[in-house]
Amino acid sequence: MQIILHIGAHKTASTHLQHGLARARPALQAQGVAVFGPDQLRRRGLGLPEYLSAAEEDPDHGARLRAAFAQPCERLVLSDENILGSAHNVELIRTARFYDRAAHRLERLAALLPPGRLMLALGIRNPAGFLASAYVQRLMSGRLERFEDYAQALDPARLQWSELVARVRTVLPDAAWSVWRYEDYPGNAPAVLQTLLGPAHARVPLGDGVAHPGLSAKAHDILMREAPELEGQGEDAIRERVKALRAAWPKGPGQPGVQPLDAEALRRADAAYACDCAQLAGVCGLQAHWQ
């Protein structure tokens, strides 16, 4: 059996990809491909991210997961960026590295999987864009703060995807890897699907547009002006206000997204990201979907 773990990362068009996988699930099943996405793996389904967290205490949970993943198939695909952890977890800021507990979580997940050839599939993104988008995700979850307070002067150039891959390789040294850049996703989406699904990839129609848009800079500016009166209203009220601002001032042509970093920080992040991608492409056995 070929086992593919699509582990995100967050904010790399993973939701767009997962929507296509969910629509094609019956057709893929007929081709011998079993697909588990966030709709099945999260709290209201199998609860995989909860199992991987330190708070999981249900002794029968692992058995339920093993039974679900043991269905007969030629290819088993698990797609959930929350396998790695949370996009807006403060550990990103405190440790200056992506998904501080990813290796531990993936090692624990691997113990639940049936025997097979394992591949980890990962979309990556310029750390400046990732950091800004993770901040916006934090706002959308109802946690209201300014970017300066969230980032605590973290230089995005310090964040390295190659460091994350190296950490995971220490616990899963035999796993193959496929890595692609979010910035190349529109052109690389067919190759990404082929990596995940093999010959059955043609069964997946990917929709147009952005599946999970963030905040426009205009909406963010309004939210920050309203912050003093919103702070005492609770997370539910903040989420509703953010939702309303997203609808009123949608991100798109003429409405750029939030990017609070200055030009010099962006320049450093661009240079560091280019070096990081070159290092990833040079890792033995690493399949990269870029030139």
Protein backbone atom coordinates (compact mmCIF):
# COMPACT_ATOMS: atom_id res chain seq x y z
CA MET A 1 0.00 0.00 0.00
CA GLN A 2 1.11 3.55 -0.78
CA ILE A 3 0.35 5.94 2.09
CA ILE A 4 0.34 9.69 1.45
CA LEU A 5 0.18 12.18 4.31
CA HIS A 6 -0.69 15.61 2.94
CA ILE A 7 0.30 17.67 5.96
CA GLY A 8 -0.35 21.17 4.64
CA ALA A 9 1.13 23.44 5.46
CA HIS A 10 -1.53 25.91 6.50
CA LYS A 11 -2.13 28.87 4.21
CA THR A 12 -0.80 27.08 1.10
CA ALA A 13 -4.13 26.48 -0.71
CA SER A 14 -4.61 23.22 1.20
CA THR A 15 -8.36 23.90 1.64
CA HIS A 16 -8.75 24.39 -2.12
CA LEU A 17 -7.06 21.06 -2.73
CA GLN A 18 -9.11 19.29 -0.05
CA HIS A 19 -12.40 20.52 -1.49
CA GLY A 20 -11.48 18.85 -4.78
CA LEU A 21 -10.53 15.62 -3.02
CA ALA A 22 -13.81 15.58 -1.08
CA ARG A 23 -15.90 16.07 -4.24
CA ALA A 24 -14.09 13.20 -5.96
CA ARG A 25 -14.04 10.78 -3.00
CA PRO A 26 -16.54 8.23 -4.43
CA ALA A 27 -14.80 8.16 -7.83
CA LEU A 28 -11.40 7.81 -6.14
CA GLN A 29 -12.66 4.97 -3.96
CA ALA A 30 -13.67 3.11 -7.11
CA GLN A 31 -10.06 3.49 -8.30
CA GLY A 32 -8.65 1.99 -5.11
CA VAL A 33 -7.79 5.32 -3.48
CA ALA A 34 -9.11 5.96 0.04
CA VAL A 35 -9.11 9.66 0.96
CA PHE A 36 -9.55 11.07 4.46
CA GLY A 37 -9.84 14.85 4.67
CA PRO A 38 -10.51 17.39 7.41
CA ASP A 39 -14.25 16.65 7.28
CA GLN A 40 -13.47 13.14 8.57
CA LEU A 41 -10.30 13.69 10.55
CA ARG A 42 -11.22 16.62 12.77
CA ARG A 43 -13.27 16.95 15.93
CA ARG A 44 -16.66 15.94 14.51
CA GLY A 45 -15.15 12.93 12.76
CA LEU A 46 -12.22 10.78 13.83
CA GLY A 47 -10.58 13.52 15.86
CA LEU A 48 -7.06 12.96 14.57
CA PRO A 49 -5.51 16.32 15.60
CA GLU A 50 -7.04 15.89 19.05
CA TYR A 51 -5.54 12.40 19.30
CA LEU A 52 -2.13 13.75 18.36
CA SER A 53 -2.27 16.44 21.04
CA ALA A 54 -0.93 15.81 24.52
CA ALA A 55 -4.44 16.21 25.94
CA GLU A 56 -5.77 13.00 24.35
CA GLU A 57 -6.58 10.45 27.07
CA ASP A 58 -9.13 8.13 25.42
CA PRO A 59 -7.50 4.66 25.25
CA ASP A 60 -9.93 3.52 22.55
CA HIS A 61 -9.24 6.45 20.24
CA GLY A 62 -6.16 4.94 18.65
CA ALA A 63 -8.02 1.70 17.96
CA ARG A 64 -10.79 3.60 16.15
CA LEU A 65 -8.24 5.38 14.01
CA ARG A 66 -6.40 2.16 13.14
CA ALA A 67 -9.69 0.52 12.14
CA ALA A 68 -10.62 3.47 9.91
CA PHE A 69 -7.27 3.50 8.13
CA ALA A 70 -7.17 -0.28 7.64
CA GLN A 71 -9.78 -0.40 4.87
CA PRO A 72 -8.69 -2.29 1.74
CA CYS A 73 -7.17 0.06 -0.82
CA GLU A 74 -4.10 0.47 -2.98
CA ARG A 75 -3.46 4.05 -1.87
CA LEU A 76 -4.38 5.70 1.43
CA VAL A 77 -4.40 9.52 1.48
CA LEU A 78 -4.73 11.55 4.68
CA SER A 79 -5.01 15.29 4.07
CA ASP A 80 -5.13 17.63 7.07
CA GLU A 81 -2.78 20.51 7.83
CA ASN A 82 -3.74 20.27 11.50
CA ILE A 83 -1.66 17.10 11.67
CA LEU A 84 1.31 19.45 12.03
CA GLY A 85 -0.34 21.67 14.62
CA SER A 86 -2.03 25.08 14.57
CA ALA A 87 -1.24 27.77 12.02
CA HIS A 88 -1.47 30.57 14.57
CA ASN A 89 0.09 28.74 17.53
CA VAL A 90 2.24 31.06 19.60
CA GLU A 91 5.00 28.41 19.54
CA LEU A 92 5.79 29.70 16.04
CA ILE A 93 6.74 33.02 17.59
CA ARG A 94 8.37 31.67 20.72
CA THR A 95 10.57 29.08 19.00
CA ALA A 96 11.09 30.85 15.63
CA ARG A 97 10.44 27.60 13.79
CA PHE A 98 7.53 26.06 11.95
CA TYR A 99 5.36 23.59 13.91
CA ASP A 100 7.54 22.95 16.92
CA ARG A 101 5.86 19.61 17.78
CA ALA A 102 5.48 18.30 14.22
CA ALA A 103 8.02 15.48 14.51
CA HIS A 104 6.41 14.11 17.67
CA ARG A 105 2.93 14.29 16.15
CA LEU A 106 3.96 12.61 12.91
CA GLU A 107 5.82 9.87 14.75
CA ARG A 108 2.67 9.18 16.76
CA LEU A 109 0.52 9.18 13.62
CA ALA A 110 2.85 6.79 11.81
CA ALA A 111 2.27 4.22 14.56
CA LEU A 112 -1.46 4.21 13.67
CA LEU A 113 -0.99 3.57 9.96
CA PRO A 114 -1.14 0.19 8.22
CA PRO A 115 2.05 -1.20 6.65
CA GLY A 116 3.00 0.58 3.46
CA ARG A 117 5.32 2.98 1.65
CA LEU A 118 5.01 6.38 3.27
CA MET A 119 5.25 9.75 1.53
CA LEU A 120 4.87 13.15 3.19
CA ALA A 121 3.41 15.83 0.92
CA LEU A 122 3.99 19.44 1.95
CA GLY A 123 3.15 22.82 0.46
CA ILE A 124 5.41 25.63 1.65
CA ARG A 125 5.21 29.42 1.43
CA ASN A 126 7.41 32.49 1.71
CA PRO A 127 7.70 32.96 5.49
CA ALA A 128 6.66 36.62 5.25
CA GLY A 129 3.39 35.65 3.61
CA PHE A 130 2.93 32.70 5.94
CA LEU A 131 3.46 34.84 9.05
CA ALA A 132 1.03 37.52 7.88
CA SER A 133 -1.56 34.91 6.94
CA ALA A 134 -1.15 33.06 10.25
CA TYR A 135 -1.73 36.36 12.03
CA VAL A 136 -4.92 36.93 10.04
CA GLN A 137 -6.06 33.39 10.88
CA ARG A 138 -5.59 34.26 14.54
CA LEU A 139 -7.83 37.31 14.11
CA MET A 140 -10.44 35.21 12.31
CA SER A 141 -10.50 32.80 15.25
CA GLY A 142 -11.49 35.65 17.56
CA ARG A 143 -8.12 36.48 19.09
CA LEU A 144 -7.80 40.22 18.65
CA GLU A 145 -4.31 41.74 18.70
CA ARG A 146 -2.06 43.91 16.60
CA PHE A 147 0.55 42.29 14.40
CA GLU A 148 3.37 43.86 16.43
CA ASP A 149 2.08 42.15 19.58
CA TYR A 150 1.56 38.85 17.78
CA ALA A 151 4.93 38.70 16.00
CA GLN A 152 7.03 40.10 18.88
CA ALA A 153 9.69 41.34 16.46
CA LEU A 154 10.22 37.87 14.91
CA ASP A 155 12.21 38.19 11.69
CA PRO A 156 10.47 35.92 9.15
CA ALA A 157 13.85 35.25 7.54
CA ARG A 158 14.60 33.03 10.55
CA LEU A 159 11.80 30.61 9.64
CA GLN A 160 13.03 27.67 7.56
CA TRP A 161 10.99 24.89 6.01
CA SER A 162 14.16 22.84 5.56
CA GLU A 163 14.59 22.85 9.34
CA LEU A 164 11.06 21.42 9.73
CA VAL A 165 11.78 18.70 7.16
CA ALA A 166 15.06 17.84 8.89
CA ARG A 167 13.31 17.46 12.25
CA VAL A 168 10.65 15.15 10.80
CA ARG A 169 13.27 13.09 8.97
CA THR A 170 14.89 12.24 12.30
CA VAL A 171 11.78 10.27 13.32
CA LEU A 172 10.62 9.12 9.86
CA PRO A 173 13.92 8.62 8.01
CA ASP A 174 12.50 6.23 5.40
CA ALA A 175 9.58 8.40 4.30
CA ALA A 176 9.69 9.94 0.84
CA TRP A 177 8.86 13.62 0.44
CA SER A 178 7.08 15.76 -2.12
CA VAL A 179 7.28 19.52 -1.63
CA TRP A 180 5.79 22.37 -3.65
CA ARG A 181 5.61 26.13 -3.31
CA TYR A 182 2.33 27.88 -2.69
CA GLU A 183 3.47 30.60 -5.07
CA ASP A 184 3.59 27.99 -7.88
CA TYR A 185 0.40 26.16 -6.92
CA PRO A 186 -1.86 27.26 -9.82
CA GLY A 187 0.57 25.80 -12.33
CA ASN A 188 1.70 22.85 -10.20
CA ALA A 189 -1.70 21.69 -8.99
CA PRO A 190 -1.95 18.83 -11.56
CA ALA A 191 1.49 17.53 -10.55
CA VAL A 192 0.55 17.80 -6.87
CA LEU A 193 -2.63 15.82 -7.47
CA GLN A 194 -0.70 13.16 -9.37
CA THR A 195 1.69 12.81 -6.43
CA LEU A 196 -1.19 12.39 -4.00
CA LEU A 197 -3.43 10.15 -6.11
CA GLY A 198 -1.35 8.48 -8.79
CA PRO A 199 -3.23 7.61 -12.01
CA ALA A 200 -6.55 8.50 -10.35
CA HIS A 201 -5.64 12.20 -10.21
CA ALA A 202 -7.64 12.93 -13.36
CA ARG A 203 -10.79 12.19 -11.37
CA VAL A 204 -10.40 15.35 -9.28
CA PRO A 205 -11.88 18.60 -10.62
CA LEU A 206 -10.32 21.56 -8.83
CA GLY A 207 -12.62 24.56 -8.53
CA ASP A 208 -11.82 28.17 -9.34
CA GLY A 209 -11.16 30.91 -6.83
CA VAL A 210 -9.82 30.95 -3.29
CA ALA A 211 -11.38 28.48 -0.88
CA HIS A 212 -10.50 30.27 2.36
CA PRO A 213 -9.73 33.96 1.73
CA GLY A 214 -8.15 36.07 4.45
CA LEU A 215 -8.62 39.72 5.34
CA SER A 216 -8.01 42.58 3.01
CA ALA A 217 -5.77 45.38 4.27
CA LYS A 218 -8.83 47.67 4.28
CA ALA A 219 -10.83 45.28 6.46
CA HIS A 220 -7.85 44.88 8.79
CA ASP A 221 -7.47 48.66 9.15
CA ILE A 222 -11.14 48.98 10.14
CA LEU A 223 -10.82 46.10 12.60
CA MET A 224 -7.84 47.71 14.31
CA ARG A 225 -9.71 51.01 14.63
CA GLU A 226 -12.59 49.17 16.27
CA ALA A 227 -10.35 47.05 18.50
CA PRO A 228 -10.76 49.08 21.73
CA GLU A 229 -14.54 48.58 21.78
CA LEU A 230 -14.39 44.98 20.50
CA GLU A 231 -11.85 43.70 23.04
CA GLY A 232 -14.38 43.42 25.83
CA GLN A 233 -17.05 41.67 23.78
CA GLY A 234 -15.53 38.17 23.62
CA GLU A 235 -14.24 35.92 20.85
CA ASP A 236 -17.65 35.15 19.34
CA ALA A 237 -18.35 38.83 18.76
CA ILE A 238 -14.89 39.37 17.30
CA ARG A 239 -15.33 36.45 14.91
CA GLU A 240 -18.65 37.81 13.72
CA ARG A 241 -17.20 41.27 13.14
CA VAL A 242 -14.25 39.84 11.22
CA LYS A 243 -16.68 37.80 9.12
CA ALA A 244 -18.70 40.92 8.33
CA LEU A 245 -15.59 42.89 7.37
CA ARG A 246 -14.40 40.08 5.09
CA ALA A 247 -17.74 40.26 3.28
CA ALA A 248 -17.82 44.05 3.09
CA TRP A 249 -14.19 44.47 1.98
CA PRO A 250 -13.19 41.16 0.35
CA LYS A 251 -9.60 40.45 -0.46
CA GLY A 252 -9.02 40.41 -4.20
CA PRO A 253 -8.22 42.66 -7.18
CA GLY A 254 -7.93 46.20 -5.89
CA GLN A 255 -8.05 45.01 -2.27
CA PRO A 256 -4.65 43.58 -1.30
CA GLY A 257 -4.26 41.33 1.69
CA VAL A 258 -2.65 42.16 5.02
CA GLN A 259 1.14 42.53 4.90
CA PRO A 260 2.36 44.48 7.93
CA LEU A 261 6.08 43.84 7.37
CA ASP A 262 8.27 46.62 6.02
CA ALA A 263 10.22 46.49 2.76
CA GLU A 264 13.50 45.48 4.38
CA ALA A 265 11.91 42.57 6.27
CA LEU A 266 10.25 41.42 3.04
CA ARG A 267 13.57 41.59 1.19
CA ARG A 268 15.30 39.47 3.84
CA ALA A 269 12.42 36.98 3.81
CA ASP A 270 12.57 36.68 0.00
CA ALA A 271 16.31 35.98 0.08
CA ALA A 272 16.02 33.48 2.91
CA TYR A 273 13.14 31.69 1.20
CA ALA A 274 15.11 31.33 -2.04
CA CYS A 275 18.00 29.76 -0.12
CA ASP A 276 15.61 27.52 1.81
CA CYS A 277 13.98 26.25 -1.39
CA ALA A 278 17.40 25.52 -2.91
CA GLN A 279 18.35 23.55 0.19
CA LEU A 280 15.11 21.57 0.10
CA ALA A 281 15.50 20.77 -3.59
CA GLY A 282 18.98 19.44 -2.87
CA VAL A 283 17.95 17.03 -0.13
CA CYS A 284 18.46 13.41 -1.19
CA GLY A 285 15.17 11.78 -2.15
CA LEU A 286 13.17 15.00 -1.97
CA GLN A 287 10.75 15.52 -4.87
CA ALA A 288 10.18 19.23 -5.46
CA HIS A 289 7.53 20.61 -7.82
CA TRP A 290 9.42 23.69 -8.97
CA GLN A 291 12.19 24.58 -11.36
